[in-house]
Amino acid sequence: MNGVPLSTLNIARLLWVVAALPWGFLAQAADSSPVVRDEIQHLLTYLEGSGCQFFRNGEWRGAVEAKDHLNQKYTYLLKKGLVRTAEDFIRLGATKSSVSGKPYQVRCKGTKPVPSAAWLSEELSRYREER
């Protein structure tokens, strides 16, 4: 390696850096508070149990599939350190498709479709009022 011998100290430093890398990602992923994580988990659970349909990329999908999809987006956003509030999650992950750019919609039995951002924001407000 460029003629520089690896001393025991340099090897120890290198091992420390390599070992610390995953912790840096975890620390970044854990930026949101327990309250925010609880609110987002509530929204995902609420969607899953709603029995509503979720419009994404030209198809109506079931609530369980929608919850799984939004949970994947949430995990991705956490890893990027982009979620500090439940509103961040709604705006960045649960409003529109990152593939097509088209808005998500929610349609519950007997109601017209509404934008997912409005549907989730309304539930978030109700949830906060109850706590």
Foldseek 3Di string as FASTA:
>chain_A
DVPDDQDPVNVVVVVVVVVCVVVVLVVLLPQADPVQVVLLVVLLVCQQPQQKWKDAPHDTHGSPVLSVQLVVQSSVCSSVSQDHHNLSSCVVRVAHDPVPRHGMWIGHPPDDIDGRSVVSVVVSVVVVVVD
